Amino acid sequence: MSPFIALFIILFAIVADYFWFDTDKKRWGWMKDWSKLSKGLFFLGFAVFSILIYIGLSFKYLH
């Protein structure tokens, strides 16, 4: 699978869960007092960490 497709699936799942599926704020409620910058940095860090894990686990298949 292309790394870009995997990245898109991961990011889409997180955004969909945050904005659409978690309507009563039970999973993401612990971030309600955070600023927009803090939330953005958290999601950016999560995306980078997810990409690094994906690349690390599939490194031998990317050659």
PDB file of N, CA and C in Angstrom:
ATOM      1  N   MET A   1       0.854  -1.175   0.000  1.00  0.00           N
ATOM      2  CA  MET A   1       0.000   0.000   0.000  1.00  0.00           C
ATOM      3  C   MET A   1       0.897   1.235   0.000  1.00  0.00           C
ATOM      4  N   SER A   2       0.510   2.210  -0.735  1.00  0.00           N
ATOM      5  CA  SER A   2       1.269   3.443  -0.813  1.00  0.00           C
ATOM      6  C   SER A   2       1.287   4.146   0.554  1.00  0.00           C
ATOM      7  N   PRO A   3       2.439   4.695   0.939  1.00  0.00           N
ATOM      8  CA  PRO A   3       2.495   5.405   2.219  1.00  0.00           C
ATOM      9  C   PRO A   3       1.519   6.581   2.286  1.00  0.00           C
ATOM     10  N   PHE A   4       1.249   7.195   1.164  1.00  0.00           N
ATOM     11  CA  PHE A   4       0.324   8.325   1.157  1.00  0.00           C
ATOM     12  C   PHE A   4      -1.112   7.877   1.425  1.00  0.00           C
ATOM     13  N   ILE A   5      -1.467   6.709   0.916  1.00  0.00           N
ATOM     14  CA  ILE A   5      -2.807   6.189   1.180  1.00  0.00           C
ATOM     15  C   ILE A   5      -2.955   5.820   2.650  1.00  0.00           C
ATOM     16  N   ALA A   6      -1.917   5.197   3.207  1.00  0.00           N
ATOM     17  CA  ALA A   6      -1.952   4.847   4.629  1.00  0.00           C
ATOM     18  C   ALA A   6      -2.038   6.094   5.497  1.00  0.00           C
ATOM     19  N   LEU A   7      -1.270   7.116   5.159  1.00  0.00           N
ATOM     20  CA  LEU A   7      -1.313   8.379   5.893  1.00  0.00           C
ATOM     21  C   LEU A   7      -2.702   9.006   5.805  1.00  0.00           C
ATOM     22  N   PHE A   8      -3.276   8.996   4.629  1.00  0.00           N
ATOM     23  CA  PHE A   8      -4.610   9.558   4.449  1.00  0.00           C
ATOM     24  C   PHE A   8      -5.648   8.815   5.286  1.00  0.00           C
ATOM     25  N   ILE A   9      -5.573   7.491   5.302  1.00  0.00           N
ATOM     26  CA  ILE A   9      -6.522   6.694   6.080  1.00  0.00           C
ATOM     27  C   ILE A   9      -6.395   7.004   7.569  1.00  0.00           C
ATOM     28  N   ILE A  10      -5.168   7.096   8.067  1.00  0.00           N
ATOM     29  CA  ILE A  10      -4.949   7.391   9.486  1.00  0.00           C
ATOM     30  C   ILE A  10      -5.479   8.772   9.831  1.00  0.00           C
ATOM     31  N   LEU A  11      -5.121   9.768   9.046  1.00  0.00           N
ATOM     32  CA  LEU A  11      -5.558  11.136   9.327  1.00  0.00           C
ATOM     33  C   LEU A  11      -7.074  11.274   9.193  1.00  0.00           C
ATOM     34  N   PHE A  12      -7.663  10.629   8.203  1.00  0.00           N
ATOM     35  CA  PHE A  12      -9.108  10.692   8.035  1.00  0.00           C
ATOM     36  C   PHE A  12      -9.829  10.055   9.223  1.00  0.00           C
ATOM     37  N   ALA A  13      -9.312   8.936   9.709  1.00  0.00           N
ATOM     38  CA  ALA A  13      -9.933   8.260  10.849  1.00  0.00           C
ATOM     39  C   ALA A  13      -9.887   9.133  12.099  1.00  0.00           C
ATOM     40  N   ILE A  14      -8.777   9.819  12.332  1.00  0.00           N
ATOM     41  CA  ILE A  14      -8.647  10.681  13.514  1.00  0.00           C
ATOM     42  C   ILE A  14      -9.567  11.885  13.408  1.00  0.00           C
ATOM     43  N   VAL A  15      -9.573  12.529  12.260  1.00  0.00           N
ATOM     44  CA  VAL A  15     -10.418  13.714  12.072  1.00  0.00           C
ATOM     45  C   VAL A  15     -11.894  13.341  12.144  1.00  0.00           C
ATOM     46  N   ALA A  16     -12.261  12.227  11.524  1.00  0.00           N
ATOM     47  CA  ALA A  16     -13.659  11.790  11.571  1.00  0.00           C
ATOM     48  C   ALA A  16     -14.076  11.472  13.001  1.00  0.00           C
ATOM     49  N   ASP A  17     -13.202  10.837  13.759  1.00  0.00           N
ATOM     50  CA  ASP A  17     -13.533  10.519  15.142  1.00  0.00           C
ATOM     51  C   ASP A  17     -13.665  11.795  15.968  1.00  0.00           C
ATOM     52  N   TYR A  18     -12.789  12.732  15.777  1.00  0.00           N
ATOM     53  CA  TYR A  18     -12.820  13.963  16.572  1.00  0.00           C
ATOM     54  C   TYR A  18     -14.046  14.821  16.254  1.00  0.00           C
ATOM     55  N   PHE A  19     -14.350  15.006  14.981  1.00  0.00           N
ATOM     56  CA  PHE A  19     -15.418  15.927  14.598  1.00  0.00           C
ATOM     57  C   PHE A  19     -16.784  15.269  14.409  1.00  0.00           C
ATOM     58  N   TRP A  20     -16.841  13.965  14.091  1.00  0.00           N
ATOM     59  CA  TRP A  20     -18.109  13.378  13.688  1.00  0.00           C
ATOM     60  C   TRP A  20     -18.589  12.299  14.654  1.00  0.00           C
ATOM     61  N   PHE A  21     -17.748  11.312  14.955  1.00  0.00           N
ATOM     62  CA  PHE A  21     -18.193  10.175  15.751  1.00  0.00           C
ATOM     63  C   PHE A  21     -18.290  10.479  17.246  1.00  0.00           C
ATOM     64  N   ASP A  22     -17.448  11.330  17.763  1.00  0.00           N
ATOM     65  CA  ASP A  22     -17.422  11.616  19.199  1.00  0.00           C
ATOM     66  C   ASP A  22     -18.314  12.812  19.506  1.00  0.00           C
ATOM     67  N   THR A  23     -19.606  12.631  19.357  1.00  0.00           N
ATOM     68  CA  THR A  23     -20.532  13.752  19.530  1.00  0.00           C
ATOM     69  C   THR A  23     -20.730  14.149  20.987  1.00  0.00           C
ATOM     70  N   ASP A  24     -20.556  13.218  21.921  1.00  0.00           N
ATOM     71  CA  ASP A  24     -20.751  13.562  23.331  1.00  0.00           C
ATOM     72  C   ASP A  24     -19.433  13.842  24.059  1.00  0.00           C
ATOM     73  N   LYS A  25     -18.344  13.946  23.335  1.00  0.00           N
ATOM     74  CA  LYS A  25     -17.020  14.325  23.847  1.00  0.00           C
ATOM     75  C   LYS A  25     -16.518  13.407  24.966  1.00  0.00           C
ATOM     76  N   LYS A  26     -16.768  12.116  24.847  1.00  0.00           N
ATOM     77  CA  LYS A  26     -16.275  11.183  25.850  1.00  0.00           C
ATOM     78  C   LYS A  26     -14.822  10.781  25.594  1.00  0.00           C
ATOM     79  N   ARG A  27     -14.428  10.660  24.323  1.00  0.00           N
ATOM     80  CA  ARG A  27     -13.048  10.262  24.028  1.00  0.00           C
ATOM     81  C   ARG A  27     -12.105  11.453  23.972  1.00  0.00           C
ATOM     82  N   TRP A  28     -12.558  12.578  23.466  1.00  0.00           N
ATOM     83  CA  TRP A  28     -11.685  13.731  23.292  1.00  0.00           C
ATOM     84  C   TRP A  28     -12.010  14.854  24.281  1.00  0.00           C
ATOM     85  N   GLY A  29     -12.842  14.605  25.264  1.00  0.00           N
ATOM     86  CA  GLY A  29     -13.227  15.625  26.232  1.00  0.00           C
ATOM     87  C   GLY A  29     -12.083  16.112  27.097  1.00  0.00           C
ATOM     88  N   TRP A  30     -11.062  15.297  27.273  1.00  0.00           N
ATOM     89  CA  TRP A  30      -9.925  15.694  28.087  1.00  0.00           C
ATOM     90  C   TRP A  30      -9.121  16.823  27.447  1.00  0.00           C
ATOM     91  N   MET A  31      -9.400  17.149  26.179  1.00  0.00           N
ATOM     92  CA  MET A  31      -8.702  18.238  25.487  1.00  0.00           C
ATOM     93  C   MET A  31      -9.538  19.516  25.424  1.00  0.00           C
ATOM     94  N   LYS A  32     -10.664  19.578  26.118  1.00  0.00           N
ATOM     95  CA  LYS A  32     -11.579  20.707  25.943  1.00  0.00           C
ATOM     96  C   LYS A  32     -11.001  22.038  26.414  1.00  0.00           C
ATOM     97  N   ASP A  33     -10.084  22.030  27.356  1.00  0.00           N
ATOM     98  CA  ASP A  33      -9.491  23.278  27.839  1.00  0.00           C
ATOM     99  C   ASP A  33      -8.212  23.662  27.100  1.00  0.00           C
ATOM    100  N   TRP A  34      -7.825  22.883  26.124  1.00  0.00           N
ATOM    101  CA  TRP A  34      -6.613  23.173  25.363  1.00  0.00           C
ATOM    102  C   TRP A  34      -6.884  24.272  24.338  1.00  0.00           C
ATOM    103  N   SER A  35      -5.837  25.018  24.009  1.00  0.00           N
ATOM    104  CA  SER A  35      -5.959  26.030  22.960  1.00  0.00           C
ATOM    105  C   SER A  35      -5.928  25.344  21.590  1.00  0.00           C
ATOM    106  N   LYS A  36      -6.289  26.080  20.559  1.00  0.00           N
ATOM    107  CA  LYS A  36      -6.261  25.520  19.202  1.00  0.00           C
ATOM    108  C   LYS A  36      -4.841  25.149  18.795  1.00  0.00           C
ATOM    109  N   LEU A  37      -3.871  25.948  19.226  1.00  0.00           N
ATOM    110  CA  LEU A  37      -2.475  25.649  18.916  1.00  0.00           C
ATOM    111  C   LEU A  37      -2.049  24.334  19.559  1.00  0.00           C
ATOM    112  N   SER A  38      -2.423  24.127  20.812  1.00  0.00           N
ATOM    113  CA  SER A  38      -2.065  22.890  21.503  1.00  0.00           C
ATOM    114  C   SER A  38      -2.716  21.677  20.842  1.00  0.00           C
ATOM    115  N   LYS A  39      -3.977  21.808  20.455  1.00  0.00           N
ATOM    116  CA  LYS A  39      -4.655  20.708  19.769  1.00  0.00           C
ATOM    117  C   LYS A  39      -3.996  20.418  18.428  1.00  0.00           C
ATOM    118  N   GLY A  40      -3.657  21.471  17.695  1.00  0.00           N
ATOM    119  CA  GLY A  40      -2.990  21.295  16.406  1.00  0.00           C
ATOM    120  C   GLY A  40      -1.645  20.616  16.551  1.00  0.00           C
ATOM    121  N   LEU A  41      -0.874  21.020  17.552  1.00  0.00           N
ATOM    122  CA  LEU A  41       0.427  20.390  17.787  1.00  0.00           C
ATOM    123  C   LEU A  41       0.276  18.935  18.207  1.00  0.00           C
ATOM    124  N   PHE A  42      -0.743  18.644  18.998  1.00  0.00           N
ATOM    125  CA  PHE A  42      -0.991  17.263  19.398  1.00  0.00           C
ATOM    126  C   PHE A  42      -1.294  16.392  18.185  1.00  0.00           C
ATOM    127  N   PHE A  43      -2.210  16.844  17.315  1.00  0.00           N
ATOM    128  CA  PHE A  43      -2.572  16.055  16.148  1.00  0.00           C
ATOM    129  C   PHE A  43      -1.418  15.964  15.154  1.00  0.00           C
ATOM    130  N   LEU A  44      -0.629  17.012  15.034  1.00  0.00           N
ATOM    131  CA  LEU A  44       0.548  16.962  14.177  1.00  0.00           C
ATOM    132  C   LEU A  44       1.551  15.948  14.711  1.00  0.00           C
ATOM    133  N   GLY A  45       1.801  15.983  16.015  1.00  0.00           N
ATOM    134  CA  GLY A  45       2.704  15.014  16.618  1.00  0.00           C
ATOM    135  C   GLY A  45       2.203  13.590  16.471  1.00  0.00           C
ATOM    136  N   PHE A  46       0.892  13.398  16.627  1.00  0.00           N
ATOM    137  CA  PHE A  46       0.305  12.079  16.455  1.00  0.00           C
ATOM    138  C   PHE A  46       0.478  11.588  15.029  1.00  0.00           C
ATOM    139  N   ALA A  47       0.278  12.485  14.065  1.00  0.00           N
ATOM    140  CA  ALA A  47       0.434  12.106  12.655  1.00  0.00           C
ATOM    141  C   ALA A  47       1.891  11.741  12.351  1.00  0.00           C
ATOM    142  N   VAL A  48       2.826  12.532  12.847  1.00  0.00           N
ATOM    143  CA  VAL A  48       4.250  12.245  12.618  1.00  0.00           C
ATOM    144  C   VAL A  48       4.629  10.912  13.256  1.00  0.00           C
ATOM    145  N   PHE A  49       4.177  10.684  14.469  1.00  0.00           N
ATOM    146  CA  PHE A  49       4.460   9.436  15.164  1.00  0.00           C
ATOM    147  C   PHE A  49       3.858   8.245  14.418  1.00  0.00           C
ATOM    148  N   SER A  50       2.652   8.397  13.903  1.00  0.00           N
ATOM    149  CA  SER A  50       2.009   7.331  13.134  1.00  0.00           C
ATOM    150  C   SER A  50       2.781   7.032  11.855  1.00  0.00           C
ATOM    151  N   ILE A  51       3.245   8.073  11.188  1.00  0.00           N
ATOM    152  CA  ILE A  51       4.023   7.887   9.962  1.00  0.00           C
ATOM    153  C   ILE A  51       5.326   7.163  10.259  1.00  0.00           C
ATOM    154  N   LEU A  52       6.001   7.558  11.341  1.00  0.00           N
ATOM    155  CA  LEU A  52       7.257   6.901  11.706  1.00  0.00           C
ATOM    156  C   LEU A  52       7.040   5.424  12.035  1.00  0.00           C
ATOM    157  N   ILE A  53       5.975   5.108  12.724  1.00  0.00           N
ATOM    158  CA  ILE A  53       5.668   3.706  13.020  1.00  0.00           C
ATOM    159  C   ILE A  53       5.384   2.943  11.728  1.00  0.00           C
ATOM    160  N   TYR A  54       4.596   3.529  10.841  1.00  0.00           N
ATOM    161  CA  TYR A  54       4.277   2.869   9.571  1.00  0.00           C
ATOM    162  C   TYR A  54       5.539   2.618   8.756  1.00  0.00           C
ATOM    163  N   ILE A  55       6.403   3.610   8.652  1.00  0.00           N
ATOM    164  CA  ILE A  55       7.640   3.455   7.890  1.00  0.00           C
ATOM    165  C   ILE A  55       8.555   2.441   8.573  1.00  0.00           C
ATOM    166  N   GLY A  56       8.641   2.506   9.890  1.00  0.00           N
ATOM    167  CA  GLY A  56       9.498   1.569  10.610  1.00  0.00           C
ATOM    168  C   GLY A  56       9.054   0.127  10.455  1.00  0.00           C
ATOM    169  N   LEU A  57       7.749  -0.114  10.499  1.00  0.00           N
ATOM    170  CA  LEU A  57       7.257  -1.483  10.376  1.00  0.00           C
ATOM    171  C   LEU A  57       7.300  -2.007   8.946  1.00  0.00           C
ATOM    172  N   SER A  58       7.263  -1.117   7.963  1.00  0.00           N
ATOM    173  CA  SER A  58       7.244  -1.575   6.572  1.00  0.00           C
ATOM    174  C   SER A  58       8.554  -1.236   5.840  1.00  0.00           C
ATOM    175  N   PHE A  59       9.613  -0.956   6.561  1.00  0.00           N
ATOM    176  CA  PHE A  59      10.865  -0.532   5.942  1.00  0.00           C
ATOM    177  C   PHE A  59      11.426  -1.602   5.009  1.00  0.00           C
ATOM    178  N   LYS A  60      11.377  -2.858   5.430  1.00  0.00           N
ATOM    179  CA  LYS A  60      11.963  -3.898   4.580  1.00  0.00           C
ATOM    180  C   LYS A  60      11.133  -4.134   3.314  1.00  0.00           C
ATOM    181  N   TYR A  61       9.879  -3.713   3.291  1.00  0.00           N
ATOM    182  CA  TYR A  61       9.038  -3.893   2.114  1.00  0.00           C
ATOM    183  C   TYR A  61       9.080  -2.688   1.169  1.00  0.00           C
ATOM    184  N   LEU A  62       9.665  -1.578   1.595  1.00  0.00           N
ATOM    185  CA  LEU A  62       9.703  -0.372   0.765  1.00  0.00           C
ATOM    186  C   LEU A  62      10.831  -0.385  -0.262  1.00  0.00           C
ATOM    187  N   HIS A  63      11.757  -1.303  -0.135  1.00  0.00           N
ATOM    188  CA  HIS A  63      12.885  -1.339  -1.069  1.00  0.00           C
ATOM    189  C   HIS A  63      12.476  -1.879  -2.395  1.00  0.00           C
TER     190      HIS A  63
END
